[in-house]
Amino acid sequence: MLIVNKKQMDAFSRILLRDFEETTRKRIRKKLPEQSDEINDEAFHKLITDGIAKAESYDIIEKEDIKIYLEYMVYCSPDFDTNKNSAWAPKILKIRNLKGSEKIARMKQEHPIEEKKAEPEFEIVTE
């Protein structure tokens, strides 16, 4: 029988969180370059940490759903869930009988994030 003590479990959790942060930061920088350009790594860490807690408060607990919630924090604003400029967000997030994944699906359907398309590095000229 394998026994894992609390110290080992905490270390494992920190590793998983660090990996989640890194993959999420890279994903957001690629998907939303203009909005994330001026966010340094320290600010990203805070945004992700705060965002995980906010997402969980709305029953958004699946890893992929949390990543999308974080994208909305970068795309709209870190307080998009309470900001008057995104009044649509709490209307979705506070629906009690919706699962977290359903809330994210509704957000994506009703208020999609418009990703910046990568500019080609060269120009195609036809004659």
N, C-alpha and C. Protein backbone atom coordinates (compact mmCIF):
# COMPACT_ATOMS: atom_id res chain seq x y z
N MET A 1 0.84 -1.18 0.00
CA MET A 1 0.00 0.00 0.00
C MET A 1 0.88 1.24 0.00
N LEU A 2 0.53 2.18 -0.86
CA LEU A 2 1.26 3.44 -0.96
C LEU A 2 0.62 4.46 -0.03
N ILE A 3 1.43 5.09 0.78
CA ILE A 3 0.93 6.12 1.69
C ILE A 3 1.59 7.44 1.32
N VAL A 4 0.78 8.44 1.08
CA VAL A 4 1.27 9.77 0.73
C VAL A 4 0.92 10.69 1.89
N ASN A 5 1.95 11.32 2.45
CA ASN A 5 1.67 12.23 3.57
C ASN A 5 1.28 13.62 3.05
N LYS A 6 0.83 14.47 3.96
CA LYS A 6 0.34 15.80 3.58
C LYS A 6 1.43 16.63 2.90
N LYS A 7 2.65 16.55 3.40
CA LYS A 7 3.75 17.33 2.82
C LYS A 7 3.99 16.91 1.36
N GLN A 8 3.95 15.62 1.10
CA GLN A 8 4.13 15.14 -0.26
C GLN A 8 2.96 15.58 -1.14
N MET A 9 1.75 15.51 -0.62
CA MET A 9 0.56 15.91 -1.38
C MET A 9 0.61 17.40 -1.70
N ASP A 10 1.04 18.21 -0.75
CA ASP A 10 1.17 19.65 -0.99
C ASP A 10 2.20 19.94 -2.08
N ALA A 11 3.31 19.22 -2.04
CA ALA A 11 4.34 19.41 -3.06
C ALA A 11 3.80 19.02 -4.43
N PHE A 12 3.09 17.91 -4.49
CA PHE A 12 2.50 17.46 -5.75
C PHE A 12 1.49 18.49 -6.26
N SER A 13 0.69 19.05 -5.39
CA SER A 13 -0.31 20.07 -5.78
C SER A 13 0.37 21.31 -6.33
N ARG A 14 1.48 21.72 -5.72
CA ARG A 14 2.21 22.89 -6.21
C ARG A 14 2.76 22.65 -7.61
N ILE A 15 3.25 21.45 -7.85
CA ILE A 15 3.77 21.10 -9.18
C ILE A 15 2.66 21.15 -10.21
N LEU A 16 1.50 20.59 -9.87
CA LEU A 16 0.36 20.61 -10.80
C LEU A 16 -0.11 22.04 -11.07
N LEU A 17 -0.15 22.86 -10.04
CA LEU A 17 -0.58 24.24 -10.20
C LEU A 17 0.41 25.01 -11.07
N ARG A 18 1.70 24.80 -10.85
CA ARG A 18 2.73 25.47 -11.64
C ARG A 18 2.61 25.06 -13.12
N ASP A 19 2.37 23.79 -13.37
CA ASP A 19 2.19 23.31 -14.75
C ASP A 19 0.94 23.92 -15.37
N PHE A 20 -0.16 23.97 -14.60
CA PHE A 20 -1.40 24.58 -15.08
C PHE A 20 -1.17 26.05 -15.43
N GLU A 21 -0.48 26.76 -14.55
CA GLU A 21 -0.19 28.18 -14.79
C GLU A 21 0.61 28.37 -16.07
N GLU A 22 1.65 27.57 -16.24
CA GLU A 22 2.53 27.72 -17.41
C GLU A 22 1.77 27.45 -18.70
N THR A 23 1.02 26.36 -18.76
CA THR A 23 0.29 26.03 -19.99
C THR A 23 -0.80 27.06 -20.26
N THR A 24 -1.44 27.54 -19.21
CA THR A 24 -2.49 28.54 -19.38
C THR A 24 -1.91 29.87 -19.85
N ARG A 25 -0.81 30.28 -19.26
CA ARG A 25 -0.16 31.54 -19.67
C ARG A 25 0.24 31.47 -21.15
N LYS A 26 0.85 30.38 -21.57
CA LYS A 26 1.25 30.22 -22.97
C LYS A 26 0.03 30.25 -23.89
N ARG A 27 -1.01 29.56 -23.49
CA ARG A 27 -2.23 29.50 -24.30
C ARG A 27 -2.84 30.89 -24.47
N ILE A 28 -2.93 31.64 -23.38
CA ILE A 28 -3.54 32.98 -23.44
C ILE A 28 -2.66 33.93 -24.24
N ARG A 29 -1.36 33.85 -24.06
CA ARG A 29 -0.45 34.72 -24.83
C ARG A 29 -0.58 34.45 -26.33
N LYS A 30 -0.77 33.20 -26.70
CA LYS A 30 -0.92 32.84 -28.11
C LYS A 30 -2.30 33.25 -28.63
N LYS A 31 -3.32 33.01 -27.86
CA LYS A 31 -4.70 33.25 -28.29
C LYS A 31 -5.08 34.72 -28.24
N LEU A 32 -4.57 35.44 -27.25
CA LEU A 32 -4.93 36.85 -27.03
C LEU A 32 -3.66 37.70 -26.89
N PRO A 33 -2.86 37.78 -27.95
CA PRO A 33 -1.57 38.48 -27.82
C PRO A 33 -1.70 39.96 -27.47
N GLU A 34 -2.66 40.64 -28.05
CA GLU A 34 -2.79 42.08 -27.77
C GLU A 34 -3.21 42.34 -26.33
N GLN A 35 -4.14 41.54 -25.82
CA GLN A 35 -4.64 41.74 -24.47
C GLN A 35 -3.64 41.28 -23.41
N SER A 36 -2.80 40.31 -23.73
CA SER A 36 -1.89 39.76 -22.73
C SER A 36 -0.47 40.29 -22.83
N ASP A 37 -0.20 41.09 -23.83
CA ASP A 37 1.16 41.56 -24.10
C ASP A 37 1.81 42.26 -22.92
N GLU A 38 1.07 43.07 -22.21
CA GLU A 38 1.65 43.86 -21.13
C GLU A 38 1.51 43.22 -19.75
N ILE A 39 1.04 41.97 -19.70
CA ILE A 39 0.90 41.28 -18.42
C ILE A 39 2.20 40.52 -18.16
N ASN A 40 2.94 40.92 -17.13
CA ASN A 40 4.18 40.21 -16.81
C ASN A 40 3.87 38.90 -16.08
N ASP A 41 4.88 38.08 -15.89
CA ASP A 41 4.67 36.76 -15.29
C ASP A 41 4.11 36.83 -13.87
N GLU A 42 4.56 37.80 -13.10
CA GLU A 42 4.07 37.96 -11.73
C GLU A 42 2.58 38.32 -11.73
N ALA A 43 2.19 39.22 -12.61
CA ALA A 43 0.78 39.60 -12.72
C ALA A 43 -0.05 38.45 -13.24
N PHE A 44 0.51 37.66 -14.15
CA PHE A 44 -0.19 36.48 -14.66
C PHE A 44 -0.43 35.49 -13.53
N HIS A 45 0.57 35.31 -12.68
CA HIS A 45 0.43 34.39 -11.54
C HIS A 45 -0.74 34.82 -10.66
N LYS A 46 -0.81 36.11 -10.36
CA LYS A 46 -1.91 36.62 -9.53
C LYS A 46 -3.25 36.46 -10.24
N LEU A 47 -3.29 36.79 -11.52
CA LEU A 47 -4.52 36.66 -12.29
C LEU A 47 -5.01 35.21 -12.28
N ILE A 48 -4.10 34.28 -12.49
CA ILE A 48 -4.48 32.87 -12.52
C ILE A 48 -4.92 32.39 -11.15
N THR A 49 -4.19 32.75 -10.12
CA THR A 49 -4.56 32.35 -8.76
C THR A 49 -5.93 32.91 -8.38
N ASP A 50 -6.12 34.21 -8.62
CA ASP A 50 -7.41 34.83 -8.32
C ASP A 50 -8.52 34.24 -9.20
N GLY A 51 -8.20 34.01 -10.46
CA GLY A 51 -9.18 33.49 -11.41
C GLY A 51 -9.66 32.09 -11.06
N ILE A 52 -8.75 31.25 -10.58
CA ILE A 52 -9.15 29.90 -10.17
C ILE A 52 -10.18 29.99 -9.04
N ALA A 53 -9.90 30.84 -8.06
CA ALA A 53 -10.83 31.01 -6.93
C ALA A 53 -12.17 31.57 -7.39
N LYS A 54 -12.15 32.56 -8.28
CA LYS A 54 -13.39 33.14 -8.80
C LYS A 54 -14.18 32.09 -9.57
N ALA A 55 -13.50 31.36 -10.45
CA ALA A 55 -14.18 30.34 -11.25
C ALA A 55 -14.83 29.31 -10.34
N GLU A 56 -14.11 28.85 -9.34
CA GLU A 56 -14.66 27.87 -8.41
C GLU A 56 -15.88 28.41 -7.67
N SER A 57 -15.91 29.71 -7.41
CA SER A 57 -17.06 30.29 -6.71
C SER A 57 -18.33 30.23 -7.57
N TYR A 58 -18.15 30.04 -8.89
CA TYR A 58 -19.29 29.88 -9.80
C TYR A 58 -19.46 28.43 -10.24
N ASP A 59 -18.86 27.51 -9.47
CA ASP A 59 -18.92 26.07 -9.76
C ASP A 59 -18.24 25.70 -11.08
N ILE A 60 -17.30 26.49 -11.50
CA ILE A 60 -16.51 26.18 -12.69
C ILE A 60 -15.25 25.50 -12.17
N ILE A 61 -15.18 24.18 -12.34
CA ILE A 61 -14.13 23.41 -11.69
C ILE A 61 -13.32 22.53 -12.65
N GLU A 62 -13.78 22.35 -13.87
CA GLU A 62 -13.03 21.56 -14.83
C GLU A 62 -11.85 22.38 -15.35
N LYS A 63 -10.71 21.72 -15.52
CA LYS A 63 -9.49 22.42 -15.92
C LYS A 63 -9.68 23.26 -17.19
N GLU A 64 -10.27 22.68 -18.22
CA GLU A 64 -10.47 23.40 -19.48
C GLU A 64 -11.42 24.59 -19.29
N ASP A 65 -12.46 24.42 -18.50
CA ASP A 65 -13.40 25.51 -18.24
C ASP A 65 -12.74 26.65 -17.48
N ILE A 66 -11.86 26.31 -16.53
CA ILE A 66 -11.13 27.35 -15.79
C ILE A 66 -10.22 28.13 -16.73
N LYS A 67 -9.58 27.44 -17.66
CA LYS A 67 -8.73 28.13 -18.64
C LYS A 67 -9.54 29.12 -19.46
N ILE A 68 -10.74 28.73 -19.87
CA ILE A 68 -11.59 29.63 -20.65
C ILE A 68 -12.04 30.80 -19.78
N TYR A 69 -12.39 30.54 -18.53
CA TYR A 69 -12.76 31.62 -17.61
C TYR A 69 -11.61 32.62 -17.52
N LEU A 70 -10.38 32.12 -17.41
CA LEU A 70 -9.21 32.99 -17.34
C LEU A 70 -9.03 33.79 -18.63
N GLU A 71 -9.34 33.19 -19.75
CA GLU A 71 -9.28 33.93 -21.03
C GLU A 71 -10.25 35.11 -21.00
N TYR A 72 -11.44 34.90 -20.46
CA TYR A 72 -12.39 36.01 -20.35
C TYR A 72 -11.86 37.10 -19.42
N MET A 73 -11.14 36.70 -18.37
CA MET A 73 -10.55 37.70 -17.47
C MET A 73 -9.55 38.58 -18.22
N VAL A 74 -8.80 37.98 -19.13
CA VAL A 74 -7.81 38.74 -19.91
C VAL A 74 -8.51 39.52 -21.02
N TYR A 75 -9.45 38.90 -21.70
CA TYR A 75 -10.12 39.51 -22.85
C TYR A 75 -11.02 40.68 -22.43
N CYS A 76 -11.81 40.48 -21.38
CA CYS A 76 -12.76 41.52 -20.95
C CYS A 76 -12.13 42.43 -19.88
N SER A 77 -11.85 41.86 -18.74
CA SER A 77 -11.17 42.52 -17.62
C SER A 77 -11.11 41.51 -16.48
N PRO A 78 -10.14 41.66 -15.58
CA PRO A 78 -10.04 40.71 -14.48
C PRO A 78 -11.30 40.63 -13.61
N ASP A 79 -12.07 41.71 -13.60
CA ASP A 79 -13.31 41.72 -12.81
C ASP A 79 -14.55 41.64 -13.71
N PHE A 80 -14.41 40.97 -14.86
CA PHE A 80 -15.53 40.92 -15.81
C PHE A 80 -16.79 40.34 -15.18
N ASP A 81 -16.63 39.52 -14.16
CA ASP A 81 -17.79 38.88 -13.53
C ASP A 81 -18.62 39.85 -12.69
N THR A 82 -18.05 41.02 -12.38
CA THR A 82 -18.78 42.02 -11.59
C THR A 82 -18.77 43.40 -12.23
N ASN A 83 -18.02 43.57 -13.29
CA ASN A 83 -17.84 44.86 -13.95
C ASN A 83 -19.12 45.25 -14.70
N LYS A 84 -19.54 46.50 -14.55
CA LYS A 84 -20.78 46.95 -15.20
C LYS A 84 -20.67 46.93 -16.73
N ASN A 85 -19.44 46.98 -17.26
CA ASN A 85 -19.27 46.93 -18.71
C ASN A 85 -19.50 45.53 -19.30
N SER A 86 -19.53 44.55 -18.45
CA SER A 86 -19.84 43.18 -18.89
C SER A 86 -20.99 42.64 -18.04
N ALA A 87 -22.09 43.38 -18.07
CA ALA A 87 -23.26 43.03 -17.26
C ALA A 87 -23.85 41.67 -17.64
N TRP A 88 -23.53 41.18 -18.81
CA TRP A 88 -24.00 39.87 -19.24
C TRP A 88 -23.40 38.74 -18.41
N ALA A 89 -22.17 38.93 -17.91
CA ALA A 89 -21.45 37.85 -17.23
C ALA A 89 -22.14 37.34 -15.96
N PRO A 90 -22.48 38.21 -15.01
CA PRO A 90 -23.12 37.68 -13.80
C PRO A 90 -24.49 37.05 -14.08
N LYS A 91 -25.14 37.50 -15.15
CA LYS A 91 -26.43 36.90 -15.50
C LYS A 91 -26.26 35.42 -15.84
N ILE A 92 -25.12 35.08 -16.41
CA ILE A 92 -24.84 33.67 -16.74
C ILE A 92 -24.21 32.97 -15.54
N LEU A 93 -23.21 33.59 -14.95
CA LEU A 93 -22.43 32.94 -13.90
C LEU A 93 -23.23 32.65 -12.63
N LYS A 94 -24.27 33.42 -12.38
CA LYS A 94 -25.04 33.24 -11.15
C LYS A 94 -26.27 32.34 -11.31
N ILE A 95 -26.43 31.71 -12.46
CA ILE A 95 -27.54 30.78 -12.64
C ILE A 95 -27.23 29.52 -11.82
N ARG A 96 -28.02 29.29 -10.80
CA ARG A 96 -27.73 28.22 -9.84
C ARG A 96 -27.89 26.81 -10.42
N ASN A 97 -28.83 26.63 -11.33
CA ASN A 97 -29.09 25.27 -11.81
C ASN A 97 -28.26 24.90 -13.04
N LEU A 98 -27.27 25.73 -13.39
CA LEU A 98 -26.36 25.39 -14.49
C LEU A 98 -25.04 24.88 -13.92
N LYS A 99 -24.53 23.82 -14.52
CA LYS A 99 -23.19 23.34 -14.15
C LYS A 99 -22.16 24.32 -14.71
N GLY A 100 -20.97 24.26 -14.14
CA GLY A 100 -19.90 25.14 -14.59
C GLY A 100 -19.64 25.05 -16.08
N SER A 101 -19.60 23.84 -16.61
CA SER A 101 -19.35 23.64 -18.04
C SER A 101 -20.47 24.25 -18.89
N GLU A 102 -21.68 24.20 -18.38
CA GLU A 102 -22.81 24.80 -19.10
C GLU A 102 -22.71 26.32 -19.09
N LYS A 103 -22.23 26.88 -18.00
CA LYS A 103 -22.04 28.34 -17.93
C LYS A 103 -21.00 28.79 -18.95
N ILE A 104 -19.90 28.05 -19.00
CA ILE A 104 -18.84 28.39 -19.96
C ILE A 104 -19.36 28.25 -21.39
N ALA A 105 -20.10 27.19 -21.66
CA ALA A 105 -20.65 27.00 -23.01
C ALA A 105 -21.58 28.15 -23.38
N ARG A 106 -22.38 28.61 -22.45
CA ARG A 106 -23.29 29.72 -22.71
C ARG A 106 -22.51 31.01 -22.94
N MET A 107 -21.47 31.23 -22.14
CA MET A 107 -20.64 32.43 -22.33
C MET A 107 -20.02 32.43 -23.72
N LYS A 108 -19.48 31.27 -24.12
CA LYS A 108 -18.84 31.17 -25.43
C LYS A 108 -19.85 31.37 -26.56
N GLN A 109 -21.06 30.90 -26.37
CA GLN A 109 -22.09 31.02 -27.40
C GLN A 109 -22.61 32.46 -27.49
N GLU A 110 -22.92 33.05 -26.36
CA GLU A 110 -23.54 34.37 -26.35
C GLU A 110 -22.54 35.52 -26.44
N HIS A 111 -21.32 35.31 -25.96
CA HIS A 111 -20.29 36.38 -25.95
C HIS A 111 -18.93 35.77 -26.29
N PRO A 112 -18.76 35.33 -27.53
CA PRO A 112 -17.50 34.67 -27.90
C PRO A 112 -16.31 35.62 -27.84
N ILE A 113 -15.17 35.05 -27.53
CA ILE A 113 -13.92 35.80 -27.55
C ILE A 113 -13.44 35.84 -28.99
N GLU A 114 -13.18 37.03 -29.48
CA GLU A 114 -12.68 37.18 -30.84
C GLU A 114 -11.16 37.13 -30.79
N GLU A 115 -10.63 36.02 -31.26
CA GLU A 115 -9.19 35.84 -31.23
C GLU A 115 -8.52 36.64 -32.32
N LYS A 116 -7.33 37.10 -32.03
CA LYS A 116 -6.52 37.79 -33.02
C LYS A 116 -5.93 36.74 -33.94
N LYS A 117 -6.19 36.86 -35.21
CA LYS A 117 -5.63 35.93 -36.19
C LYS A 117 -4.18 36.30 -36.44
N ALA A 118 -3.35 35.29 -36.51
CA ALA A 118 -1.92 35.52 -36.75
C ALA A 118 -1.73 36.13 -38.13
N GLU A 119 -0.91 37.15 -38.19
CA GLU A 119 -0.58 37.79 -39.46
C GLU A 119 0.43 36.91 -40.18
N PRO A 120 0.28 36.75 -41.48
CA PRO A 120 1.29 35.96 -42.20
C PRO A 120 2.64 36.66 -42.15
N GLU A 121 3.69 35.86 -42.11
CA GLU A 121 5.02 36.43 -42.04
C GLU A 121 5.55 36.84 -43.41
N PHE A 122 4.81 36.52 -44.45
CA PHE A 122 5.22 36.88 -45.80
C PHE A 122 3.98 37.20 -46.60
N GLU A 123 4.18 37.86 -47.68
CA GLU A 123 3.07 38.25 -48.54
C GLU A 123 3.11 37.41 -49.81
N ILE A 124 1.96 36.88 -50.20
CA ILE A 124 1.86 36.11 -51.43
C ILE A 124 1.47 37.07 -52.55
N VAL A 125 2.28 37.11 -53.58
CA VAL A 125 2.02 37.99 -54.72
C VAL A 125 1.73 37.13 -55.92
N THR A 126 0.62 37.40 -56.56
CA THR A 126 0.29 36.67 -57.80
C THR A 126 0.30 37.65 -58.95
N GLU A 127 0.78 37.21 -60.07
CA GLU A 127 0.86 38.11 -61.24
C GLU A 127 -0.03 37.63 -62.33
